[in-house]
Amino acid sequence: MNKFKFKLEKVTGIKAKQLKQKTLELAKLLQQLETEKKTLKNLKMDLDSVQQEIFKRTMAGCSANELLEHHRYAEKLAQDITQQKRKIESIEEAIEKMQVLLLKLNKEKKILEKLREKRYLQYLQEQNREEQKVLDEMSTLTHKFQQIV
């Protein structure tokens, strides 16, 4: 009997490796997204704190230089927040693209697995036919031998 060989076994293996690699990349992107969201949250908290400090100092009556310094710092934080939001959007887009790619790879892998299964069933049917053919020949030979004897 011939051993079953699937011609696209290497392709299936490659797809499985790609799927695993892209899944790990997606996990890293999700982790990076969480880190960047925490950074954004901290920046917003810092901005709120600075704005409260500006309000307190304004009510307490402080020098114009101090207020100007605090305003500049608040503007810098606002710019940082804007940049951080862009960074988060970029990561979210990369995550979406990665998810689409993972779906495509998973679909291709499943197609290859189904094809392999179909070919394996064909192989088993062919082996059964071959075996039945051998059994039929043996039966015919046995019957002819019994007629001779």
C-alpha atoms as a PDB file:
ATOM      1  CA  MET A   1       0.000   0.000   0.000  1.00  0.00           C
ATOM      2  CA  ASN A   2       1.092   3.494  -0.787  1.00  0.00           C
ATOM      3  CA  LYS A   3       1.506   5.959   2.040  1.00  0.00           C
ATOM      4  CA  PHE A   4      -0.806   9.008   1.936  1.00  0.00           C
ATOM      5  CA  LYS A   5       0.937  12.132   0.680  1.00  0.00           C
ATOM      6  CA  PHE A   6      -0.704  15.535   0.488  1.00  0.00           C
ATOM      7  CA  LYS A   7       1.059  17.675  -2.086  1.00  0.00           C
ATOM      8  CA  LEU A   8       0.140  20.929  -0.350  1.00  0.00           C
ATOM      9  CA  GLU A   9       1.375  19.864   3.109  1.00  0.00           C
ATOM     10  CA  LYS A  10       4.207  22.418   3.039  1.00  0.00           C
ATOM     11  CA  VAL A  11       1.803  25.191   2.071  1.00  0.00           C
ATOM     12  CA  THR A  12      -0.479  24.200   4.949  1.00  0.00           C
ATOM     13  CA  GLY A  13       2.478  24.311   7.324  1.00  0.00           C
ATOM     14  CA  ILE A  14       3.519  27.725   6.047  1.00  0.00           C
ATOM     15  CA  LYS A  15      -0.018  29.065   6.526  1.00  0.00           C
ATOM     16  CA  ALA A  16      -0.091  27.677  10.075  1.00  0.00           C
ATOM     17  CA  LYS A  17       3.245  29.362  10.865  1.00  0.00           C
ATOM     18  CA  GLN A  18       2.065  32.654   9.350  1.00  0.00           C
ATOM     19  CA  LEU A  19      -1.129  32.461  11.355  1.00  0.00           C
ATOM     20  CA  LYS A  20       0.803  31.873  14.576  1.00  0.00           C
ATOM     21  CA  GLN A  21       3.253  34.698  13.810  1.00  0.00           C
ATOM     22  CA  LYS A  22       0.497  37.178  12.960  1.00  0.00           C
ATOM     23  CA  THR A  23      -1.426  36.187  16.086  1.00  0.00           C
ATOM     24  CA  LEU A  24       1.649  37.022  18.171  1.00  0.00           C
ATOM     25  CA  GLU A  25       2.028  40.328  16.321  1.00  0.00           C
ATOM     26  CA  LEU A  26      -1.626  41.128  17.039  1.00  0.00           C
ATOM     27  CA  ALA A  27      -1.084  40.364  20.725  1.00  0.00           C
ATOM     28  CA  LYS A  28       1.885  42.761  20.766  1.00  0.00           C
ATOM     29  CA  LEU A  29      -0.189  45.455  19.062  1.00  0.00           C
ATOM     30  CA  LEU A  30      -2.992  45.015  21.593  1.00  0.00           C
ATOM     31  CA  GLN A  31      -0.496  45.262  24.433  1.00  0.00           C
ATOM     32  CA  GLN A  32       1.021  48.377  22.862  1.00  0.00           C
ATOM     33  CA  LEU A  33      -2.463  49.877  22.489  1.00  0.00           C
ATOM     34  CA  GLU A  34      -3.148  49.373  26.190  1.00  0.00           C
ATOM     35  CA  THR A  35       0.174  50.982  27.095  1.00  0.00           C
ATOM     36  CA  GLU A  36      -0.528  53.992  24.878  1.00  0.00           C
ATOM     37  CA  LYS A  37      -4.044  54.366  26.317  1.00  0.00           C
ATOM     38  CA  LYS A  38      -2.563  54.420  29.821  1.00  0.00           C
ATOM     39  CA  THR A  39      -0.107  57.090  28.684  1.00  0.00           C
ATOM     40  CA  LEU A  40      -2.997  59.125  27.271  1.00  0.00           C
ATOM     41  CA  LYS A  41      -4.914  58.770  30.516  1.00  0.00           C
ATOM     42  CA  ASN A  42      -1.872  59.983  32.480  1.00  0.00           C
ATOM     43  CA  LEU A  43      -1.430  62.953  30.149  1.00  0.00           C
ATOM     44  CA  LYS A  44      -5.078  63.920  30.604  1.00  0.00           C
ATOM     45  CA  MET A  45      -4.734  63.641  34.370  1.00  0.00           C
ATOM     46  CA  ASP A  46      -1.614  65.837  34.238  1.00  0.00           C
ATOM     47  CA  LEU A  47      -3.476  68.418  32.142  1.00  0.00           C
ATOM     48  CA  ASP A  48      -6.406  68.454  34.571  1.00  0.00           C
ATOM     49  CA  SER A  49      -3.972  68.894  37.448  1.00  0.00           C
ATOM     50  CA  VAL A  50      -2.209  71.787  35.718  1.00  0.00           C
ATOM     51  CA  GLN A  51      -5.521  73.459  34.886  1.00  0.00           C
ATOM     52  CA  GLN A  52      -6.604  73.179  38.504  1.00  0.00           C
ATOM     53  CA  GLU A  53      -3.268  74.619  39.584  1.00  0.00           C
ATOM     54  CA  ILE A  54      -3.694  77.530  37.162  1.00  0.00           C
ATOM     55  CA  PHE A  55      -7.163  78.183  38.581  1.00  0.00           C
ATOM     56  CA  LYS A  56      -5.881  78.063  42.175  1.00  0.00           C
ATOM     57  CA  ARG A  57      -2.983  80.375  41.424  1.00  0.00           C
ATOM     58  CA  THR A  58      -5.222  82.769  39.536  1.00  0.00           C
ATOM     59  CA  MET A  59      -7.570  82.969  42.519  1.00  0.00           C
ATOM     60  CA  ALA A  60      -4.666  83.299  44.944  1.00  0.00           C
ATOM     61  CA  GLY A  61      -3.126  86.013  42.836  1.00  0.00           C
ATOM     62  CA  CYS A  62       0.273  85.058  41.521  1.00  0.00           C
ATOM     63  CA  SER A  63       2.699  86.648  39.107  1.00  0.00           C
ATOM     64  CA  ALA A  64       2.042  86.783  35.387  1.00  0.00           C
ATOM     65  CA  ASN A  65       5.266  84.866  34.713  1.00  0.00           C
ATOM     66  CA  GLU A  66       4.077  81.938  36.823  1.00  0.00           C
ATOM     67  CA  LEU A  67       0.718  81.858  35.067  1.00  0.00           C
ATOM     68  CA  LEU A  68       2.393  82.096  31.674  1.00  0.00           C
ATOM     69  CA  GLU A  69       4.682  79.219  32.574  1.00  0.00           C
ATOM     70  CA  HIS A  70       1.743  77.063  33.675  1.00  0.00           C
ATOM     71  CA  HIS A  71      -0.200  77.950  30.499  1.00  0.00           C
ATOM     72  CA  ARG A  72       2.752  76.948  28.330  1.00  0.00           C
ATOM     73  CA  TYR A  73       2.997  73.663  30.174  1.00  0.00           C
ATOM     74  CA  ALA A  74      -0.757  73.112  29.722  1.00  0.00           C
ATOM     75  CA  GLU A  75      -0.414  73.817  25.969  1.00  0.00           C
ATOM     76  CA  LYS A  76       2.476  71.361  25.765  1.00  0.00           C
ATOM     77  CA  LEU A  77       0.360  68.711  27.488  1.00  0.00           C
ATOM     78  CA  ALA A  78      -2.531  69.413  25.088  1.00  0.00           C
ATOM     79  CA  GLN A  79      -0.155  68.905  22.147  1.00  0.00           C
ATOM     80  CA  ASP A  80       1.128  65.687  23.707  1.00  0.00           C
ATOM     81  CA  ILE A  81      -2.463  64.492  24.130  1.00  0.00           C
ATOM     82  CA  THR A  82      -3.191  65.180  20.473  1.00  0.00           C
ATOM     83  CA  GLN A  83      -0.070  63.295  19.424  1.00  0.00           C
ATOM     84  CA  GLN A  84      -0.954  60.419  21.728  1.00  0.00           C
ATOM     85  CA  LYS A  85      -4.461  60.208  20.236  1.00  0.00           C
ATOM     86  CA  ARG A  86      -2.948  60.011  16.747  1.00  0.00           C
ATOM     87  CA  LYS A  87      -0.600  57.285  17.916  1.00  0.00           C
ATOM     88  CA  ILE A  88      -3.524  55.325  19.348  1.00  0.00           C
ATOM     89  CA  GLU A  89      -5.514  55.732  16.119  1.00  0.00           C
ATOM     90  CA  SER A  90      -2.534  54.456  14.143  1.00  0.00           C
ATOM     91  CA  ILE A  91      -2.219  51.389  16.355  1.00  0.00           C
ATOM     92  CA  GLU A  92      -5.968  50.738  16.107  1.00  0.00           C
ATOM     93  CA  GLU A  93      -5.729  50.859  12.304  1.00  0.00           C
ATOM     94  CA  ALA A  94      -2.830  48.413  12.399  1.00  0.00           C
ATOM     95  CA  ILE A  95      -4.889  46.127  14.648  1.00  0.00           C
ATOM     96  CA  GLU A  96      -7.807  46.227  12.214  1.00  0.00           C
ATOM     97  CA  LYS A  97      -5.525  45.378   9.293  1.00  0.00           C
ATOM     98  CA  MET A  98      -3.950  42.551  11.282  1.00  0.00           C
ATOM     99  CA  GLN A  99      -7.376  41.151  12.169  1.00  0.00           C
ATOM    100  CA  VAL A 100      -8.407  41.171   8.498  1.00  0.00           C
ATOM    101  CA  LEU A 101      -5.161  39.430   7.573  1.00  0.00           C
ATOM    102  CA  LEU A 102      -5.676  36.842  10.318  1.00  0.00           C
ATOM    103  CA  LEU A 103      -9.178  36.119   9.049  1.00  0.00           C
ATOM    104  CA  LYS A 104      -7.824  35.660   5.533  1.00  0.00           C
ATOM    105  CA  LEU A 105      -5.005  33.365   6.690  1.00  0.00           C
ATOM    106  CA  ASN A 106      -7.370  31.353   8.859  1.00  0.00           C
ATOM    107  CA  LYS A 107      -9.777  30.941   5.949  1.00  0.00           C
ATOM    108  CA  GLU A 108      -6.960  29.807   3.639  1.00  0.00           C
ATOM    109  CA  LYS A 109      -5.721  27.349   6.265  1.00  0.00           C
ATOM    110  CA  LYS A 110      -9.194  25.891   6.729  1.00  0.00           C
ATOM    111  CA  ILE A 111      -9.591  25.513   2.958  1.00  0.00           C
ATOM    112  CA  LEU A 112      -6.304  23.630   2.792  1.00  0.00           C
ATOM    113  CA  GLU A 113      -7.315  21.436   5.729  1.00  0.00           C
ATOM    114  CA  LYS A 114     -10.631  20.597   4.058  1.00  0.00           C
ATOM    115  CA  LEU A 115      -8.833  19.821   0.823  1.00  0.00           C
ATOM    116  CA  ARG A 116      -6.417  17.563   2.687  1.00  0.00           C
ATOM    117  CA  GLU A 117      -9.299  15.770   4.365  1.00  0.00           C
ATOM    118  CA  LYS A 118     -11.057  15.331   1.007  1.00  0.00           C
ATOM    119  CA  ARG A 119      -7.890  13.952  -0.577  1.00  0.00           C
ATOM    120  CA  TYR A 120      -7.364  11.623   2.369  1.00  0.00           C
ATOM    121  CA  LEU A 121     -10.890  10.251   1.980  1.00  0.00           C
ATOM    122  CA  GLN A 122     -10.217   9.721  -1.734  1.00  0.00           C
ATOM    123  CA  TYR A 123      -7.009   7.931  -0.799  1.00  0.00           C
ATOM    124  CA  LEU A 124      -8.872   5.653   1.615  1.00  0.00           C
ATOM    125  CA  GLN A 125     -11.500   4.872  -1.016  1.00  0.00           C
ATOM    126  CA  GLU A 126      -8.794   4.032  -3.538  1.00  0.00           C
ATOM    127  CA  GLN A 127      -7.050   1.807  -0.999  1.00  0.00           C
ATOM    128  CA  ASN A 128     -10.343   0.040  -0.282  1.00  0.00           C
ATOM    129  CA  ARG A 129     -10.899  -0.508  -4.024  1.00  0.00           C
ATOM    130  CA  GLU A 130      -7.390  -1.907  -4.376  1.00  0.00           C
ATOM    131  CA  GLU A 131      -7.887  -4.163  -1.383  1.00  0.00           C
ATOM    132  CA  GLN A 132     -11.256  -5.324  -2.693  1.00  0.00           C
ATOM    133  CA  LYS A 133      -9.700  -6.018  -6.093  1.00  0.00           C
ATOM    134  CA  VAL A 134      -6.986  -8.155  -4.457  1.00  0.00           C
ATOM    135  CA  LEU A 135      -9.584 -10.005  -2.383  1.00  0.00           C
ATOM    136  CA  ASP A 136     -11.706 -10.628  -5.490  1.00  0.00           C
ATOM    137  CA  GLU A 137      -8.700 -11.991  -7.360  1.00  0.00           C
ATOM    138  CA  MET A 138      -7.823 -14.234  -4.433  1.00  0.00           C
ATOM    139  CA  SER A 139     -11.402 -15.459  -4.278  1.00  0.00           C
ATOM    140  CA  THR A 140     -11.430 -16.162  -8.007  1.00  0.00           C
ATOM    141  CA  LEU A 141      -8.118 -17.997  -7.806  1.00  0.00           C
ATOM    142  CA  THR A 142      -9.301 -19.984  -4.799  1.00  0.00           C
ATOM    143  CA  HIS A 143     -12.500 -20.901  -6.608  1.00  0.00           C
ATOM    144  CA  LYS A 144     -10.583 -21.956  -9.751  1.00  0.00           C
ATOM    145  CA  PHE A 145      -8.115 -23.947  -7.658  1.00  0.00           C
ATOM    146  CA  GLN A 146     -10.967 -25.768  -5.949  1.00  0.00           C
ATOM    147  CA  GLN A 147     -12.483 -26.622  -9.334  1.00  0.00           C
ATOM    148  CA  ILE A 148      -9.174 -28.056 -10.506  1.00  0.00           C
ATOM    149  CA  VAL A 149      -8.701 -30.173  -7.399  1.00  0.00           C
END
